[in-house]
Amino acid sequence: MVHLRTDLTHEALCVVYGVGSSSIDRAINEIRPLLTARGSRRHPSGHPVQAEH
């Protein structure tokens, strides 16, 4: 979630959380489908956009 909200690089997140890049990649890949299932998506500008129901 931090990556999606702040656009911090994977490298910066590794430093912040003290983990390797594979952990960051795994977390991002796990959360994206959950957010999509809840109707969350990102506008190309990086701002969240509400899903149309």
PDB file of N, CA and C in Angstrom:
ATOM      1  N   MET A   1       0.819  -1.185   0.000  1.00  0.00           N
ATOM      2  CA  MET A   1       0.000   0.000   0.000  1.00  0.00           C
ATOM      3  C   MET A   1       0.870   1.258   0.000  1.00  0.00           C
ATOM      4  N   VAL A   2       1.965   1.219   0.717  1.00  0.00           N
ATOM      5  CA  VAL A   2       2.836   2.400   0.770  1.00  0.00           C
ATOM      6  C   VAL A   2       3.351   2.724  -0.624  1.00  0.00           C
ATOM      7  N   HIS A   3       3.733   1.705  -1.365  1.00  0.00           N
ATOM      8  CA  HIS A   3       4.236   1.908  -2.730  1.00  0.00           C
ATOM      9  C   HIS A   3       3.173   2.574  -3.596  1.00  0.00           C
ATOM     10  N   LEU A   4       1.951   2.105  -3.511  1.00  0.00           N
ATOM     11  CA  LEU A   4       0.885   2.646  -4.341  1.00  0.00           C
ATOM     12  C   LEU A   4       0.477   4.048  -3.914  1.00  0.00           C
ATOM     13  N   ARG A   5       0.551   4.334  -2.635  1.00  0.00           N
ATOM     14  CA  ARG A   5       0.153   5.664  -2.144  1.00  0.00           C
ATOM     15  C   ARG A   5       1.244   6.712  -2.290  1.00  0.00           C
ATOM     16  N   THR A   6       2.498   6.312  -2.202  1.00  0.00           N
ATOM     17  CA  THR A   6       3.589   7.289  -2.184  1.00  0.00           C
ATOM     18  C   THR A   6       4.474   7.251  -3.423  1.00  0.00           C
ATOM     19  N   ASP A   7       4.367   6.183  -4.205  1.00  0.00           N
ATOM     20  CA  ASP A   7       5.222   5.979  -5.378  1.00  0.00           C
ATOM     21  C   ASP A   7       6.702   5.885  -5.012  1.00  0.00           C
ATOM     22  N   LEU A   8       6.992   5.463  -3.763  1.00  0.00           N
ATOM     23  CA  LEU A   8       8.384   5.192  -3.394  1.00  0.00           C
ATOM     24  C   LEU A   8       8.906   4.057  -4.265  1.00  0.00           C
ATOM     25  N   THR A   9      10.169   4.121  -4.605  1.00  0.00           N
ATOM     26  CA  THR A   9      10.760   3.044  -5.400  1.00  0.00           C
ATOM     27  C   THR A   9      10.879   1.785  -4.547  1.00  0.00           C
ATOM     28  N   HIS A  10      11.040   0.660  -5.224  1.00  0.00           N
ATOM     29  CA  HIS A  10      11.241  -0.603  -4.516  1.00  0.00           C
ATOM     30  C   HIS A  10      12.491  -0.534  -3.651  1.00  0.00           C
ATOM     31  N   GLU A  11      13.525   0.126  -4.166  1.00  0.00           N
ATOM     32  CA  GLU A  11      14.773   0.245  -3.418  1.00  0.00           C
ATOM     33  C   GLU A  11      14.564   1.023  -2.115  1.00  0.00           C
ATOM     34  N   ALA A  12      13.801   2.102  -2.192  1.00  0.00           N
ATOM     35  CA  ALA A  12      13.525   2.895  -0.986  1.00  0.00           C
ATOM     36  C   ALA A  12      12.713   2.087   0.020  1.00  0.00           C
ATOM     37  N   LEU A  13      11.744   1.320  -0.468  1.00  0.00           N
ATOM     38  CA  LEU A  13      10.938   0.492   0.434  1.00  0.00           C
ATOM     39  C   LEU A  13      11.787  -0.582   1.105  1.00  0.00           C
ATOM     40  N   CYS A  14      12.757  -1.112   0.384  1.00  0.00           N
ATOM     41  CA  CYS A  14      13.677  -2.105   0.967  1.00  0.00           C
ATOM     42  C   CYS A  14      14.412  -1.504   2.159  1.00  0.00           C
ATOM     43  N   VAL A  15      14.862  -0.273   2.007  1.00  0.00           N
ATOM     44  CA  VAL A  15      15.581   0.395   3.090  1.00  0.00           C
ATOM     45  C   VAL A  15      14.643   0.691   4.254  1.00  0.00           C
ATOM     46  N   VAL A  16      13.457   1.225   3.957  1.00  0.00           N
ATOM     47  CA  VAL A  16      12.498   1.588   5.003  1.00  0.00           C
ATOM     48  C   VAL A  16      12.108   0.375   5.839  1.00  0.00           C
ATOM     49  N   TYR A  17      11.826  -0.740   5.169  1.00  0.00           N
ATOM     50  CA  TYR A  17      11.342  -1.925   5.879  1.00  0.00           C
ATOM     51  C   TYR A  17      12.435  -2.938   6.207  1.00  0.00           C
ATOM     52  N   GLY A  18      13.644  -2.696   5.729  1.00  0.00           N
ATOM     53  CA  GLY A  18      14.745  -3.596   6.033  1.00  0.00           C
ATOM     54  C   GLY A  18      14.583  -4.989   5.454  1.00  0.00           C
ATOM     55  N   VAL A  19      14.057  -5.053   4.237  1.00  0.00           N
ATOM     56  CA  VAL A  19      13.844  -6.341   3.571  1.00  0.00           C
ATOM     57  C   VAL A  19      14.451  -6.286   2.174  1.00  0.00           C
ATOM     58  N   GLY A  20      14.493  -7.431   1.511  1.00  0.00           N
ATOM     59  CA  GLY A  20      15.009  -7.504   0.152  1.00  0.00           C
ATOM     60  C   GLY A  20      13.955  -7.156  -0.884  1.00  0.00           C
ATOM     61  N   SER A  21      14.408  -6.927  -2.101  1.00  0.00           N
ATOM     62  CA  SER A  21      13.489  -6.538  -3.175  1.00  0.00           C
ATOM     63  C   SER A  21      12.462  -7.621  -3.491  1.00  0.00           C
ATOM     64  N   SER A  22      12.824  -8.891  -3.291  1.00  0.00           N
ATOM     65  CA  SER A  22      11.857  -9.957  -3.559  1.00  0.00           C
ATOM     66  C   SER A  22      10.673  -9.886  -2.585  1.00  0.00           C
ATOM     67  N   SER A  23      10.924  -9.467  -1.349  1.00  0.00           N
ATOM     68  CA  SER A  23       9.840  -9.308  -0.379  1.00  0.00           C
ATOM     69  C   SER A  23       8.906  -8.169  -0.784  1.00  0.00           C
ATOM     70  N   ILE A  24       9.483  -7.078  -1.256  1.00  0.00           N
ATOM     71  CA  ILE A  24       8.680  -5.937  -1.710  1.00  0.00           C
ATOM     72  C   ILE A  24       7.858  -6.340  -2.928  1.00  0.00           C
ATOM     73  N   ASP A  25       8.488  -6.991  -3.895  1.00  0.00           N
ATOM     74  CA  ASP A  25       7.776  -7.441  -5.100  1.00  0.00           C
ATOM     75  C   ASP A  25       6.627  -8.381  -4.739  1.00  0.00           C
ATOM     76  N   ARG A  26       6.893  -9.308  -3.846  1.00  0.00           N
ATOM     77  CA  ARG A  26       5.879 -10.275  -3.439  1.00  0.00           C
ATOM     78  C   ARG A  26       4.692  -9.567  -2.777  1.00  0.00           C
ATOM     79  N   ALA A  27       4.974  -8.631  -1.889  1.00  0.00           N
ATOM     80  CA  ALA A  27       3.905  -7.905  -1.197  1.00  0.00           C
ATOM     81  C   ALA A  27       3.055  -7.102  -2.177  1.00  0.00           C
ATOM     82  N   ILE A  28       3.706  -6.430  -3.100  1.00  0.00           N
ATOM     83  CA  ILE A  28       2.974  -5.641  -4.100  1.00  0.00           C
ATOM     84  C   ILE A  28       2.124  -6.560  -4.976  1.00  0.00           C
ATOM     85  N   ASN A  29       2.704  -7.669  -5.415  1.00  0.00           N
ATOM     86  CA  ASN A  29       1.957  -8.605  -6.264  1.00  0.00           C
ATOM     87  C   ASN A  29       0.810  -9.281  -5.523  1.00  0.00           C
ATOM     88  N   GLU A  30       0.906  -9.399  -4.203  1.00  0.00           N
ATOM     89  CA  GLU A  30      -0.187  -9.980  -3.427  1.00  0.00           C
ATOM     90  C   GLU A  30      -1.313  -8.984  -3.187  1.00  0.00           C
ATOM     91  N   ILE A  31      -0.985  -7.719  -3.003  1.00  0.00           N
ATOM     92  CA  ILE A  31      -2.011  -6.732  -2.663  1.00  0.00           C
ATOM     93  C   ILE A  31      -2.784  -6.225  -3.880  1.00  0.00           C
ATOM     94  N   ARG A  32      -2.143  -6.152  -5.034  1.00  0.00           N
ATOM     95  CA  ARG A  32      -2.827  -5.601  -6.214  1.00  0.00           C
ATOM     96  C   ARG A  32      -4.110  -6.344  -6.575  1.00  0.00           C
ATOM     97  N   PRO A  33      -4.120  -7.688  -6.638  1.00  0.00           N
ATOM     98  CA  PRO A  33      -5.370  -8.378  -6.970  1.00  0.00           C
ATOM     99  C   PRO A  33      -6.461  -8.144  -5.915  1.00  0.00           C
ATOM    100  N   LEU A  34      -6.061  -8.020  -4.653  1.00  0.00           N
ATOM    101  CA  LEU A  34      -7.044  -7.758  -3.597  1.00  0.00           C
ATOM    102  C   LEU A  34      -7.674  -6.381  -3.774  1.00  0.00           C
ATOM    103  N   LEU A  35      -6.857  -5.392  -4.107  1.00  0.00           N
ATOM    104  CA  LEU A  35      -7.387  -4.051  -4.336  1.00  0.00           C
ATOM    105  C   LEU A  35      -8.274  -4.012  -5.574  1.00  0.00           C
ATOM    106  N   THR A  36      -7.862  -4.708  -6.615  1.00  0.00           N
ATOM    107  CA  THR A  36      -8.660  -4.770  -7.837  1.00  0.00           C
ATOM    108  C   THR A  36     -10.009  -5.421  -7.564  1.00  0.00           C
ATOM    109  N   ALA A  37     -10.006  -6.481  -6.787  1.00  0.00           N
ATOM    110  CA  ALA A  37     -11.253  -7.172  -6.453  1.00  0.00           C
ATOM    111  C   ALA A  37     -12.202  -6.267  -5.673  1.00  0.00           C
ATOM    112  N   ARG A  38     -11.651  -5.319  -4.927  1.00  0.00           N
ATOM    113  CA  ARG A  38     -12.457  -4.372  -4.151  1.00  0.00           C
ATOM    114  C   ARG A  38     -12.859  -3.149  -4.970  1.00  0.00           C
ATOM    115  N   GLY A  39     -12.431  -3.109  -6.241  1.00  0.00           N
ATOM    116  CA  GLY A  39     -12.821  -2.020  -7.122  1.00  0.00           C
ATOM    117  C   GLY A  39     -11.864  -0.846  -7.150  1.00  0.00           C
ATOM    118  N   SER A  40     -10.689  -1.006  -6.595  1.00  0.00           N
ATOM    119  CA  SER A  40      -9.707   0.071  -6.601  1.00  0.00           C
ATOM    120  C   SER A  40      -8.871  -0.021  -7.867  1.00  0.00           C
ATOM    121  N   ARG A  41      -8.604   1.111  -8.455  1.00  0.00           N
ATOM    122  CA  ARG A  41      -7.703   1.153  -9.605  1.00  0.00           C
ATOM    123  C   ARG A  41      -6.978   2.475  -9.582  1.00  0.00           C
ATOM    124  N   ARG A  42      -5.931   2.588 -10.360  1.00  0.00           N
ATOM    125  CA  ARG A  42      -5.096   3.784 -10.373  1.00  0.00           C
ATOM    126  C   ARG A  42      -5.218   4.487 -11.719  1.00  0.00           C
ATOM    127  N   HIS A  43      -5.373   5.784 -11.666  1.00  0.00           N
ATOM    128  CA  HIS A  43      -5.369   6.620 -12.854  1.00  0.00           C
ATOM    129  C   HIS A  43      -3.913   6.778 -13.281  1.00  0.00           C
ATOM    130  N   PRO A  44      -3.635   6.936 -14.577  1.00  0.00           N
ATOM    131  CA  PRO A  44      -2.243   7.085 -15.015  1.00  0.00           C
ATOM    132  C   PRO A  44      -1.487   8.197 -14.293  1.00  0.00           C
ATOM    133  N   SER A  45      -2.193   9.191 -13.785  1.00  0.00           N
ATOM    134  CA  SER A  45      -1.519  10.264 -13.058  1.00  0.00           C
ATOM    135  C   SER A  45      -1.033   9.800 -11.700  1.00  0.00           C
ATOM    136  N   GLY A  46      -1.482   8.616 -11.283  1.00  0.00           N
ATOM    137  CA  GLY A  46      -1.098   8.100  -9.981  1.00  0.00           C
ATOM    138  C   GLY A  46      -2.143   8.320  -8.916  1.00  0.00           C
ATOM    139  N   HIS A  47      -3.180   9.081  -9.242  1.00  0.00           N
ATOM    140  CA  HIS A  47      -4.239   9.331  -8.275  1.00  0.00           C
ATOM    141  C   HIS A  47      -5.262   8.196  -8.305  1.00  0.00           C
ATOM    142  N   PRO A  48      -5.721   7.754  -7.123  1.00  0.00           N
ATOM    143  CA  PRO A  48      -6.736   6.694  -7.074  1.00  0.00           C
ATOM    144  C   PRO A  48      -8.023   7.169  -7.752  1.00  0.00           C
ATOM    145  N   VAL A  49      -8.678   6.244  -8.410  1.00  0.00           N
ATOM    146  CA  VAL A  49      -9.955   6.530  -9.059  1.00  0.00           C
ATOM    147  C   VAL A  49     -10.953   5.495  -8.552  1.00  0.00           C
ATOM    148  N   GLN A  50     -12.150   5.952  -8.203  1.00  0.00           N
ATOM    149  CA  GLN A  50     -13.193   5.040  -7.758  1.00  0.00           C
ATOM    150  C   GLN A  50     -13.679   4.197  -8.931  1.00  0.00           C
ATOM    151  N   ALA A  51     -13.912   2.940  -8.672  1.00  0.00           N
ATOM    152  CA  ALA A  51     -14.430   2.040  -9.702  1.00  0.00           C
ATOM    153  C   ALA A  51     -15.865   2.400 -10.013  1.00  0.00           C
ATOM    154  N   GLU A  52     -16.240   2.258 -11.263  1.00  0.00           N
ATOM    155  CA  GLU A  52     -17.621   2.521 -11.653  1.00  0.00           C
ATOM    156  C   GLU A  52     -18.435   1.260 -11.442  1.00  0.00           C
ATOM    157  N   HIS A  53     -19.551   1.404 -10.747  1.00  0.00           N
ATOM    158  CA  HIS A  53     -20.415   0.241 -10.488  1.00  0.00           C
ATOM    159  C   HIS A  53     -21.660   0.310 -11.295  1.00  0.00           C
TER     160      HIS A  53
END
